[in-house]
Amino acid sequence: MKKIFPATAIGALVLLIIGTFADLRIDQTLYMPGNGFSAFFERLAPLIGATVLMVGAALLFWTYAFVRENLTKLILSGLVYLGVTLVGLALCYKYCHIFGVVYGVIVAVLIACIVYKIPDELKQRYRWAGIAIVVVFLCSIGVLEVAKVIWGRVRFRAMQGDLDLFTPWYHPNGKHYLSAVTVRDNIKSFPSGHSQFAGVTLSLCLLALVNPRWKNRESMVYGVALAYALIVMFSRMMQGAHFLSDVTVGFALPMFALWLAHHLLLKQLAQRYPQEYELV
């Protein structure tokens, strides 16, 4: 992973540079309104992102040995678990309505059942991973939502017939173009929220890291999540919802948050279990 993280960051930087000069031309080439491929991932990405968040929340709470734990700690952890899970369910509802809620409730229950059966000797390790997953998700989406308001970039599909509305990614607009597109969501192109949802799936590699039997497969989990994220990013440009720079920055936010979380978690594991993690 020491080489994979920098390689991913360099790749994101290259994409951002390309987008800086070719955002508009790329979307003009890829734009395919109404195609089923991008419509599928438009619904799937938030569901997967919410699932990852609920995995982190479940690991944060259901890994406690309830009989032996301090009651105050359990209550606080339970409230965090409930709150974060509700955020996940809200995301499911926002993008998939009633189907999303049904999906979210079923998945939340299944995740809790699976997490509760984690062997006692591994529960603390998985709890650390769960905390890291939740922090990566909430921090990256928090920065993203603030950036959307500040940047106010017009989506490609909302500027048909008026390409003068296009601005480069490094040009904040605020509400300047709201009157031109009328719908507030159409000035929320930068950064891409769906790419952030896809990017947080990278944090699932932490589940492999904390398990001694799986830590050698961490790179494989990261690679699968990365391939999925790239597909989602491509699909968003096909829909005209985002430019290349939008999806790159949306993906990069959780990626860099994960980089820091991974470093801190690995440091903690190496201190507690030096024989297992000294060579990772």
C-alpha atoms as a PDB file:
ATOM      1  CA  MET A   1       0.000   0.000   0.000  1.00  0.00           C
ATOM      2  CA  LYS A   2       2.961   2.337   0.443  1.00  0.00           C
ATOM      3  CA  LYS A   3       3.259   2.533  -3.346  1.00  0.00           C
ATOM      4  CA  ILE A   4      -0.430   2.245  -4.218  1.00  0.00           C
ATOM      5  CA  PHE A   5      -1.542   5.379  -2.386  1.00  0.00           C
ATOM      6  CA  PRO A   6       1.023   7.671  -4.074  1.00  0.00           C
ATOM      7  CA  ALA A   7       0.308   6.066  -7.440  1.00  0.00           C
ATOM      8  CA  THR A   8      -3.421   6.753  -7.026  1.00  0.00           C
ATOM      9  CA  ALA A   9      -2.703  10.346  -6.014  1.00  0.00           C
ATOM     10  CA  ILE A  10      -0.481  10.872  -9.057  1.00  0.00           C
ATOM     11  CA  GLY A  11      -3.179   9.399 -11.281  1.00  0.00           C
ATOM     12  CA  ALA A  12      -5.762  11.785  -9.801  1.00  0.00           C
ATOM     13  CA  LEU A  13      -3.417  14.720 -10.353  1.00  0.00           C
ATOM     14  CA  VAL A  14      -2.932  13.746 -14.000  1.00  0.00           C
ATOM     15  CA  LEU A  15      -6.713  13.532 -14.495  1.00  0.00           C
ATOM     16  CA  LEU A  16      -7.173  16.929 -12.864  1.00  0.00           C
ATOM     17  CA  ILE A  17      -4.575  18.475 -15.177  1.00  0.00           C
ATOM     18  CA  ILE A  18      -6.284  16.938 -18.209  1.00  0.00           C
ATOM     19  CA  GLY A  19      -9.630  18.207 -16.974  1.00  0.00           C
ATOM     20  CA  THR A  20      -8.239  21.686 -16.475  1.00  0.00           C
ATOM     21  CA  PHE A  21      -7.641  21.994 -20.209  1.00  0.00           C
ATOM     22  CA  ALA A  22     -10.220  19.621 -21.697  1.00  0.00           C
ATOM     23  CA  ASP A  23     -13.256  19.454 -19.363  1.00  0.00           C
ATOM     24  CA  LEU A  24     -15.711  20.876 -21.854  1.00  0.00           C
ATOM     25  CA  ARG A  25     -14.477  18.880 -24.848  1.00  0.00           C
ATOM     26  CA  ILE A  26     -14.542  15.615 -22.884  1.00  0.00           C
ATOM     27  CA  ASP A  27     -18.152  16.077 -21.806  1.00  0.00           C
ATOM     28  CA  GLN A  28     -19.177  17.092 -25.309  1.00  0.00           C
ATOM     29  CA  THR A  29     -17.732  13.782 -26.521  1.00  0.00           C
ATOM     30  CA  LEU A  30     -19.106  11.531 -23.774  1.00  0.00           C
ATOM     31  CA  TYR A  31     -22.529  13.071 -23.169  1.00  0.00           C
ATOM     32  CA  MET A  32     -25.293  10.521 -23.780  1.00  0.00           C
ATOM     33  CA  PRO A  33     -28.536  11.708 -22.162  1.00  0.00           C
ATOM     34  CA  GLY A  34     -30.906   8.974 -21.060  1.00  0.00           C
ATOM     35  CA  ASN A  35     -28.480   6.045 -21.360  1.00  0.00           C
ATOM     36  CA  GLY A  36     -29.201   3.116 -19.048  1.00  0.00           C
ATOM     37  CA  PHE A  37     -25.572   2.526 -18.036  1.00  0.00           C
ATOM     38  CA  SER A  38     -25.111   5.877 -16.307  1.00  0.00           C
ATOM     39  CA  ALA A  39     -28.676   5.823 -14.930  1.00  0.00           C
ATOM     40  CA  PHE A  40     -27.906   2.504 -13.223  1.00  0.00           C
ATOM     41  CA  PHE A  41     -24.788   3.840 -11.505  1.00  0.00           C
ATOM     42  CA  GLU A  42     -26.576   7.058 -10.586  1.00  0.00           C
ATOM     43  CA  ARG A  43     -28.766   4.939  -8.286  1.00  0.00           C
ATOM     44  CA  LEU A  44     -26.165   2.349  -7.330  1.00  0.00           C
ATOM     45  CA  ALA A  45     -23.363   4.658  -6.139  1.00  0.00           C
ATOM     46  CA  PRO A  46     -25.344   6.270  -3.259  1.00  0.00           C
ATOM     47  CA  LEU A  47     -26.599   2.865  -2.118  1.00  0.00           C
ATOM     48  CA  ILE A  48     -23.072   1.441  -2.023  1.00  0.00           C
ATOM     49  CA  GLY A  49     -21.763   4.584  -0.334  1.00  0.00           C
ATOM     50  CA  ALA A  50     -24.489   4.377   2.316  1.00  0.00           C
ATOM     51  CA  THR A  51     -23.715   0.680   2.803  1.00  0.00           C
ATOM     52  CA  VAL A  52     -20.042   1.441   3.464  1.00  0.00           C
ATOM     53  CA  LEU A  53     -21.079   4.098   5.990  1.00  0.00           C
ATOM     54  CA  MET A  54     -23.394   1.645   7.765  1.00  0.00           C
ATOM     55  CA  VAL A  55     -20.609  -0.952   7.854  1.00  0.00           C
ATOM     56  CA  GLY A  56     -18.407   1.569   9.667  1.00  0.00           C
ATOM     57  CA  ALA A  57     -21.206   2.474  12.079  1.00  0.00           C
ATOM     58  CA  ALA A  58     -21.924  -1.174  12.892  1.00  0.00           C
ATOM     59  CA  LEU A  59     -18.246  -1.879  13.539  1.00  0.00           C
ATOM     60  CA  LEU A  60     -18.117   1.108  15.864  1.00  0.00           C
ATOM     61  CA  PHE A  61     -20.902  -0.256  18.094  1.00  0.00           C
ATOM     62  CA  TRP A  62     -21.534  -3.978  17.709  1.00  0.00           C
ATOM     63  CA  THR A  63     -17.914  -4.945  18.430  1.00  0.00           C
ATOM     64  CA  TYR A  64     -18.276  -4.054  22.115  1.00  0.00           C
ATOM     65  CA  ALA A  65     -18.513  -6.727  24.784  1.00  0.00           C
ATOM     66  CA  PHE A  66     -21.693  -5.224  26.211  1.00  0.00           C
ATOM     67  CA  VAL A  67     -21.648  -6.987  29.600  1.00  0.00           C
ATOM     68  CA  ARG A  68     -18.165  -5.710  30.465  1.00  0.00           C
ATOM     69  CA  GLU A  69     -18.331  -2.199  28.999  1.00  0.00           C
ATOM     70  CA  ASN A  70     -18.982   1.099  30.744  1.00  0.00           C
ATOM     71  CA  LEU A  71     -22.651   2.101  30.375  1.00  0.00           C
ATOM     72  CA  THR A  72     -21.870   5.702  29.422  1.00  0.00           C
ATOM     73  CA  LYS A  73     -19.532   4.537  26.669  1.00  0.00           C
ATOM     74  CA  LEU A  74     -22.165   2.170  25.334  1.00  0.00           C
ATOM     75  CA  ILE A  75     -24.854   4.857  25.310  1.00  0.00           C
ATOM     76  CA  LEU A  76     -22.628   7.355  23.480  1.00  0.00           C
ATOM     77  CA  SER A  77     -21.476   4.722  20.991  1.00  0.00           C
ATOM     78  CA  GLY A  78     -25.060   3.605  20.476  1.00  0.00           C
ATOM     79  CA  LEU A  79     -26.181   7.160  19.754  1.00  0.00           C
ATOM     80  CA  VAL A  80     -23.381   7.596  17.220  1.00  0.00           C
ATOM     81  CA  TYR A  81     -24.284   4.270  15.632  1.00  0.00           C
ATOM     82  CA  LEU A  82     -27.957   5.220  15.421  1.00  0.00           C
ATOM     83  CA  GLY A  83     -27.206   8.688  14.052  1.00  0.00           C
ATOM     84  CA  VAL A  84     -24.754   7.491  11.400  1.00  0.00           C
ATOM     85  CA  THR A  85     -27.060   4.655  10.340  1.00  0.00           C
ATOM     86  CA  LEU A  86     -29.916   7.144   9.941  1.00  0.00           C
ATOM     87  CA  VAL A  87     -27.653   9.261   7.727  1.00  0.00           C
ATOM     88  CA  GLY A  88     -27.086   6.172   5.588  1.00  0.00           C
ATOM     89  CA  LEU A  89     -30.823   5.501   5.393  1.00  0.00           C
ATOM     90  CA  ALA A  90     -31.466   9.145   4.485  1.00  0.00           C
ATOM     91  CA  LEU A  91     -29.035   8.832   1.571  1.00  0.00           C
ATOM     92  CA  CYS A  92     -30.790   5.672   0.418  1.00  0.00           C
ATOM     93  CA  TYR A  93     -34.140   7.466   0.504  1.00  0.00           C
ATOM     94  CA  LYS A  94     -32.851  10.577  -1.250  1.00  0.00           C
ATOM     95  CA  TYR A  95     -31.656   8.679  -4.298  1.00  0.00           C
ATOM     96  CA  CYS A  96     -33.891   5.584  -4.371  1.00  0.00           C
ATOM     97  CA  HIS A  97     -36.936   6.581  -2.311  1.00  0.00           C
ATOM     98  CA  ILE A  98     -38.933   3.750  -0.693  1.00  0.00           C
ATOM     99  CA  PHE A  99     -36.859   1.041  -2.367  1.00  0.00           C
ATOM    100  CA  GLY A 100     -33.764   2.688  -0.915  1.00  0.00           C
ATOM    101  CA  VAL A 101     -35.198   2.678   2.606  1.00  0.00           C
ATOM    102  CA  VAL A 102     -36.188  -0.987   2.371  1.00  0.00           C
ATOM    103  CA  TYR A 103     -32.721  -1.806   1.038  1.00  0.00           C
ATOM    104  CA  GLY A 104     -31.056   0.248   3.775  1.00  0.00           C
ATOM    105  CA  VAL A 105     -33.002  -1.339   6.631  1.00  0.00           C
ATOM    106  CA  ILE A 106     -32.343  -4.873   5.387  1.00  0.00           C
ATOM    107  CA  VAL A 107     -28.641  -4.160   4.855  1.00  0.00           C
ATOM    108  CA  ALA A 108     -28.268  -2.468   8.262  1.00  0.00           C
ATOM    109  CA  VAL A 109     -29.740  -5.530  10.002  1.00  0.00           C
ATOM    110  CA  LEU A 110     -27.576  -7.963   8.023  1.00  0.00           C
ATOM    111  CA  ILE A 111     -24.430  -5.937   8.703  1.00  0.00           C
ATOM    112  CA  ALA A 112     -25.199  -5.832  12.447  1.00  0.00           C
ATOM    113  CA  CYS A 113     -25.690  -9.615  12.528  1.00  0.00           C
ATOM    114  CA  ILE A 114     -22.409 -10.239  10.695  1.00  0.00           C
ATOM    115  CA  VAL A 115     -20.395  -7.773  12.791  1.00  0.00           C
ATOM    116  CA  TYR A 116     -21.760  -9.195  16.053  1.00  0.00           C
ATOM    117  CA  LYS A 117     -20.245 -12.572  15.140  1.00  0.00           C
ATOM    118  CA  ILE A 118     -16.696 -11.238  14.705  1.00  0.00           C
ATOM    119  CA  PRO A 119     -14.334 -13.210  16.978  1.00  0.00           C
ATOM    120  CA  ASP A 120     -13.667 -11.460  20.303  1.00  0.00           C
ATOM    121  CA  GLU A 121      -9.923 -11.279  19.697  1.00  0.00           C
ATOM    122  CA  LEU A 122     -10.490  -9.221  16.526  1.00  0.00           C
ATOM    123  CA  LYS A 123     -13.312  -6.951  17.662  1.00  0.00           C
ATOM    124  CA  GLN A 124     -11.156  -4.081  18.863  1.00  0.00           C
ATOM    125  CA  ARG A 125      -9.221  -4.043  15.603  1.00  0.00           C
ATOM    126  CA  TYR A 126     -12.422  -3.936  13.573  1.00  0.00           C
ATOM    127  CA  ARG A 127     -13.766  -1.170  15.818  1.00  0.00           C
ATOM    128  CA  TRP A 128     -10.767   0.969  14.885  1.00  0.00           C
ATOM    129  CA  ALA A 129     -11.435   0.252  11.226  1.00  0.00           C
ATOM    130  CA  GLY A 130     -15.099   1.178  11.672  1.00  0.00           C
ATOM    131  CA  ILE A 131     -14.224   4.507  13.257  1.00  0.00           C
ATOM    132  CA  ALA A 132     -11.815   5.223  10.387  1.00  0.00           C
ATOM    133  CA  ILE A 133     -14.462   4.389   7.756  1.00  0.00           C
ATOM    134  CA  VAL A 134     -17.038   6.682   9.370  1.00  0.00           C
ATOM    135  CA  VAL A 135     -14.534   9.532   9.710  1.00  0.00           C
ATOM    136  CA  VAL A 136     -13.381   9.174   6.083  1.00  0.00           C
ATOM    137  CA  PHE A 137     -16.976   9.311   4.847  1.00  0.00           C
ATOM    138  CA  LEU A 138     -18.209  12.187   7.015  1.00  0.00           C
ATOM    139  CA  CYS A 139     -15.118  14.357   6.595  1.00  0.00           C
ATOM    140  CA  SER A 140     -15.006  13.974   2.822  1.00  0.00           C
ATOM    141  CA  ILE A 141     -18.736  14.578   2.312  1.00  0.00           C
ATOM    142  CA  GLY A 142     -18.616  17.565   4.658  1.00  0.00           C
ATOM    143  CA  VAL A 143     -15.845  19.226   2.651  1.00  0.00           C
ATOM    144  CA  LEU A 144     -17.639  18.331  -0.590  1.00  0.00           C
ATOM    145  CA  GLU A 145     -20.961  19.922   0.401  1.00  0.00           C
ATOM    146  CA  VAL A 146     -19.247  23.146   1.469  1.00  0.00           C
ATOM    147  CA  ALA A 147     -17.246  23.239  -1.778  1.00  0.00           C
ATOM    148  CA  LYS A 148     -20.400  22.805  -3.880  1.00  0.00           C
ATOM    149  CA  VAL A 149     -21.898  25.955  -2.353  1.00  0.00           C
ATOM    150  CA  ILE A 150     -18.728  27.994  -2.798  1.00  0.00           C
ATOM    151  CA  TRP A 151     -17.955  26.871  -6.351  1.00  0.00           C
ATOM    152  CA  GLY A 152     -21.474  26.960  -7.839  1.00  0.00           C
ATOM    153  CA  ARG A 153     -20.300  25.353 -11.064  1.00  0.00           C
ATOM    154  CA  VAL A 154     -22.967  24.724 -13.722  1.00  0.00           C
ATOM    155  CA  ARG A 155     -23.501  21.132 -14.803  1.00  0.00           C
ATOM    156  CA  PHE A 156     -22.803  20.386 -18.473  1.00  0.00           C
ATOM    157  CA  ARG A 157     -26.331  19.071 -19.084  1.00  0.00           C
ATOM    158  CA  ALA A 158     -27.795  22.327 -17.734  1.00  0.00           C
ATOM    159  CA  MET A 159     -25.871  24.568 -20.130  1.00  0.00           C
ATOM    160  CA  GLN A 160     -27.088  23.141 -23.434  1.00  0.00           C
ATOM    161  CA  GLY A 161     -27.253  25.974 -25.951  1.00  0.00           C
ATOM    162  CA  ASP A 162     -25.331  28.323 -23.660  1.00  0.00           C
ATOM    163  CA  LEU A 163     -21.754  27.114 -23.248  1.00  0.00           C
ATOM    164  CA  ASP A 164     -20.821  30.556 -21.944  1.00  0.00           C
ATOM    165  CA  LEU A 165     -21.985  29.211 -18.580  1.00  0.00           C
ATOM    166  CA  PHE A 166     -18.912  26.965 -18.484  1.00  0.00           C
ATOM    167  CA  THR A 167     -16.217  27.919 -15.980  1.00  0.00           C
ATOM    168  CA  PRO A 168     -12.961  26.092 -15.122  1.00  0.00           C
ATOM    169  CA  TRP A 169     -12.872  24.103 -11.907  1.00  0.00           C
ATOM    170  CA  TYR A 170     -10.568  26.572 -10.160  1.00  0.00           C
ATOM    171  CA  HIS A 171     -13.055  29.441 -10.611  1.00  0.00           C
ATOM    172  CA  PRO A 172     -15.517  29.750  -7.661  1.00  0.00           C
ATOM    173  CA  ASN A 173     -18.891  31.213  -8.657  1.00  0.00           C
ATOM    174  CA  GLY A 174     -21.119  31.000  -5.599  1.00  0.00           C
ATOM    175  CA  LYS A 175     -24.735  31.727  -6.663  1.00  0.00           C
ATOM    176  CA  HIS A 176     -23.694  33.752  -9.693  1.00  0.00           C
ATOM    177  CA  TYR A 177     -25.267  31.383 -12.250  1.00  0.00           C
ATOM    178  CA  LEU A 178     -28.343  30.339 -10.259  1.00  0.00           C
ATOM    179  CA  SER A 179     -30.598  32.741 -12.159  1.00  0.00           C
ATOM    180  CA  ALA A 180     -29.388  31.274 -15.473  1.00  0.00           C
ATOM    181  CA  VAL A 181     -30.266  27.651 -14.643  1.00  0.00           C
ATOM    182  CA  THR A 182     -33.134  28.246 -12.144  1.00  0.00           C
ATOM    183  CA  VAL A 183     -32.684  24.871 -10.372  1.00  0.00           C
ATOM    184  CA  ARG A 184     -30.189  25.065  -7.495  1.00  0.00           C
ATOM    185  CA  ASP A 185     -28.939  21.514  -8.076  1.00  0.00           C
ATOM    186  CA  ASN A 186     -27.721  22.551 -11.535  1.00  0.00           C
ATOM    187  CA  ILE A 187     -24.969  24.704  -9.993  1.00  0.00           C
ATOM    188  CA  LYS A 188     -23.592  21.829  -7.920  1.00  0.00           C
ATOM    189  CA  SER A 189     -21.287  20.252 -10.471  1.00  0.00           C
ATOM    190  CA  PHE A 190     -18.043  20.651  -8.507  1.00  0.00           C
ATOM    191  CA  PRO A 191     -17.052  18.381  -6.794  1.00  0.00           C
ATOM    192  CA  SER A 192     -18.957  15.218  -7.701  1.00  0.00           C
ATOM    193  CA  GLY A 193     -20.965  13.681  -4.857  1.00  0.00           C
ATOM    194  CA  HIS A 194     -21.390  10.344  -6.618  1.00  0.00           C
ATOM    195  CA  SER A 195     -17.623  10.136  -7.087  1.00  0.00           C
ATOM    196  CA  GLN A 196     -17.242  10.768  -3.363  1.00  0.00           C
ATOM    197  CA  PHE A 197     -19.673   7.907  -2.681  1.00  0.00           C
ATOM    198  CA  ALA A 198     -17.584   5.709  -4.960  1.00  0.00           C
ATOM    199  CA  GLY A 199     -14.314   6.888  -3.444  1.00  0.00           C
ATOM    200  CA  VAL A 200     -15.288   5.902   0.100  1.00  0.00           C
ATOM    201  CA  THR A 201     -15.469   2.273  -1.026  1.00  0.00           C
ATOM    202  CA  LEU A 202     -11.660   2.389  -0.987  1.00  0.00           C
ATOM    203  CA  SER A 203     -11.896   2.455   2.815  1.00  0.00           C
ATOM    204  CA  LEU A 204     -13.106  -1.155   2.764  1.00  0.00           C
ATOM    205  CA  CYS A 205      -9.440  -2.074   2.394  1.00  0.00           C
ATOM    206  CA  LEU A 206      -9.160  -1.294   6.121  1.00  0.00           C
ATOM    207  CA  LEU A 207     -11.270  -4.380   6.843  1.00  0.00           C
ATOM    208  CA  ALA A 208      -8.542  -6.498   5.274  1.00  0.00           C
ATOM    209  CA  LEU A 209      -5.774  -4.565   7.021  1.00  0.00           C
ATOM    210  CA  VAL A 210      -7.039  -5.258  10.549  1.00  0.00           C
ATOM    211  CA  ASN A 211      -7.459  -9.004   9.996  1.00  0.00           C
ATOM    212  CA  PRO A 212      -4.100 -10.858  10.196  1.00  0.00           C
ATOM    213  CA  ARG A 213      -5.354 -13.505   7.751  1.00  0.00           C
ATOM    214  CA  TRP A 214      -6.496 -10.968   5.166  1.00  0.00           C
ATOM    215  CA  LYS A 215      -3.993  -8.143   5.393  1.00  0.00           C
ATOM    216  CA  ASN A 216      -2.057  -9.443   2.388  1.00  0.00           C
ATOM    217  CA  ARG A 217      -5.231  -9.019   0.326  1.00  0.00           C
ATOM    218  CA  GLU A 218      -5.625  -5.363   1.203  1.00  0.00           C
ATOM    219  CA  SER A 219      -4.244  -4.218  -2.148  1.00  0.00           C
ATOM    220  CA  MET A 220      -6.696  -6.472  -3.988  1.00  0.00           C
ATOM    221  CA  VAL A 221      -9.678  -4.980  -2.115  1.00  0.00           C
ATOM    222  CA  TYR A 222      -8.361  -1.496  -2.850  1.00  0.00           C
ATOM    223  CA  GLY A 223      -7.932  -2.352  -6.528  1.00  0.00           C
ATOM    224  CA  VAL A 224     -11.496  -3.651  -6.917  1.00  0.00           C
ATOM    225  CA  ALA A 225     -12.882  -0.546  -5.186  1.00  0.00           C
ATOM    226  CA  LEU A 226     -10.739   1.682  -7.399  1.00  0.00           C
ATOM    227  CA  ALA A 227     -12.018   0.022 -10.574  1.00  0.00           C
ATOM    228  CA  TYR A 228     -15.601   0.493  -9.388  1.00  0.00           C
ATOM    229  CA  ALA A 229     -14.925   4.167  -8.581  1.00  0.00           C
ATOM    230  CA  LEU A 230     -13.522   4.806 -12.055  1.00  0.00           C
ATOM    231  CA  ILE A 231     -16.644   3.313 -13.637  1.00  0.00           C
ATOM    232  CA  VAL A 232     -18.868   5.574 -11.553  1.00  0.00           C
ATOM    233  CA  MET A 233     -16.768   8.609 -12.464  1.00  0.00           C
ATOM    234  CA  PHE A 234     -17.044   7.765 -16.162  1.00  0.00           C
ATOM    235  CA  SER A 235     -20.808   7.274 -15.889  1.00  0.00           C
ATOM    236  CA  ARG A 236     -21.256  10.719 -14.347  1.00  0.00           C
ATOM    237  CA  MET A 237     -19.595  12.352 -17.329  1.00  0.00           C
ATOM    238  CA  MET A 238     -21.797  10.325 -19.672  1.00  0.00           C
ATOM    239  CA  GLN A 239     -24.807  11.854 -17.950  1.00  0.00           C
ATOM    240  CA  GLY A 240     -23.454  15.363 -18.287  1.00  0.00           C
ATOM    241  CA  ALA A 241     -23.770  15.694 -14.519  1.00  0.00           C
ATOM    242  CA  HIS A 242     -20.074  16.396 -14.003  1.00  0.00           C
ATOM    243  CA  PHE A 243     -16.823  17.247 -15.735  1.00  0.00           C
ATOM    244  CA  LEU A 244     -13.593  15.274 -15.424  1.00  0.00           C
ATOM    245  CA  SER A 245     -12.225  17.703 -12.839  1.00  0.00           C
ATOM    246  CA  ASP A 246     -15.464  17.373 -10.815  1.00  0.00           C
ATOM    247  CA  VAL A 247     -15.285  13.596 -10.578  1.00  0.00           C
ATOM    248  CA  THR A 248     -11.548  13.644  -9.921  1.00  0.00           C
ATOM    249  CA  VAL A 249     -11.808  15.999  -6.958  1.00  0.00           C
ATOM    250  CA  GLY A 250     -14.914  14.208  -5.662  1.00  0.00           C
ATOM    251  CA  PHE A 251     -12.962  10.951  -5.677  1.00  0.00           C
ATOM    252  CA  ALA A 252      -9.788  12.529  -4.280  1.00  0.00           C
ATOM    253  CA  LEU A 253     -11.472  13.840  -1.105  1.00  0.00           C
ATOM    254  CA  PRO A 254     -12.133  10.401   0.460  1.00  0.00           C
ATOM    255  CA  MET A 255      -8.920   9.056  -1.067  1.00  0.00           C
ATOM    256  CA  PHE A 256      -6.741  11.534   0.828  1.00  0.00           C
ATOM    257  CA  ALA A 257      -8.840  11.137   3.990  1.00  0.00           C
ATOM    258  CA  LEU A 258      -8.297   7.366   3.720  1.00  0.00           C
ATOM    259  CA  TRP A 259      -4.575   7.865   3.219  1.00  0.00           C
ATOM    260  CA  LEU A 260      -4.348   9.677   6.577  1.00  0.00           C
ATOM    261  CA  ALA A 261      -6.700   7.233   8.327  1.00  0.00           C
ATOM    262  CA  HIS A 262      -4.746   4.262   6.985  1.00  0.00           C
ATOM    263  CA  HIS A 263      -1.463   5.724   8.258  1.00  0.00           C
ATOM    264  CA  LEU A 264      -2.873   6.320  11.748  1.00  0.00           C
ATOM    265  CA  LEU A 265      -4.560   2.912  11.919  1.00  0.00           C
ATOM    266  CA  LEU A 266      -1.456   1.085  10.753  1.00  0.00           C
ATOM    267  CA  LYS A 267       0.607   2.959  13.331  1.00  0.00           C
ATOM    268  CA  GLN A 268      -1.820   1.886  16.063  1.00  0.00           C
ATOM    269  CA  LEU A 269      -1.771  -1.733  14.897  1.00  0.00           C
ATOM    270  CA  ALA A 270       2.030  -1.781  14.745  1.00  0.00           C
ATOM    271  CA  GLN A 271       2.222  -0.505  18.322  1.00  0.00           C
ATOM    272  CA  ARG A 272      -0.264  -3.045  19.660  1.00  0.00           C
ATOM    273  CA  TYR A 273       0.741  -6.008  17.496  1.00  0.00           C
ATOM    274  CA  PRO A 274       4.357  -5.434  16.406  1.00  0.00           C
ATOM    275  CA  GLN A 275       5.009  -9.023  15.331  1.00  0.00           C
ATOM    276  CA  GLU A 276       2.055  -9.008  12.943  1.00  0.00           C
ATOM    277  CA  TYR A 277       2.431  -5.561  11.431  1.00  0.00           C
ATOM    278  CA  GLU A 278       6.095  -4.650  11.562  1.00  0.00           C
ATOM    279  CA  LEU A 279       6.611  -5.621   7.901  1.00  0.00           C
ATOM    280  CA  VAL A 280       3.323  -4.232   6.462  1.00  0.00           C
END
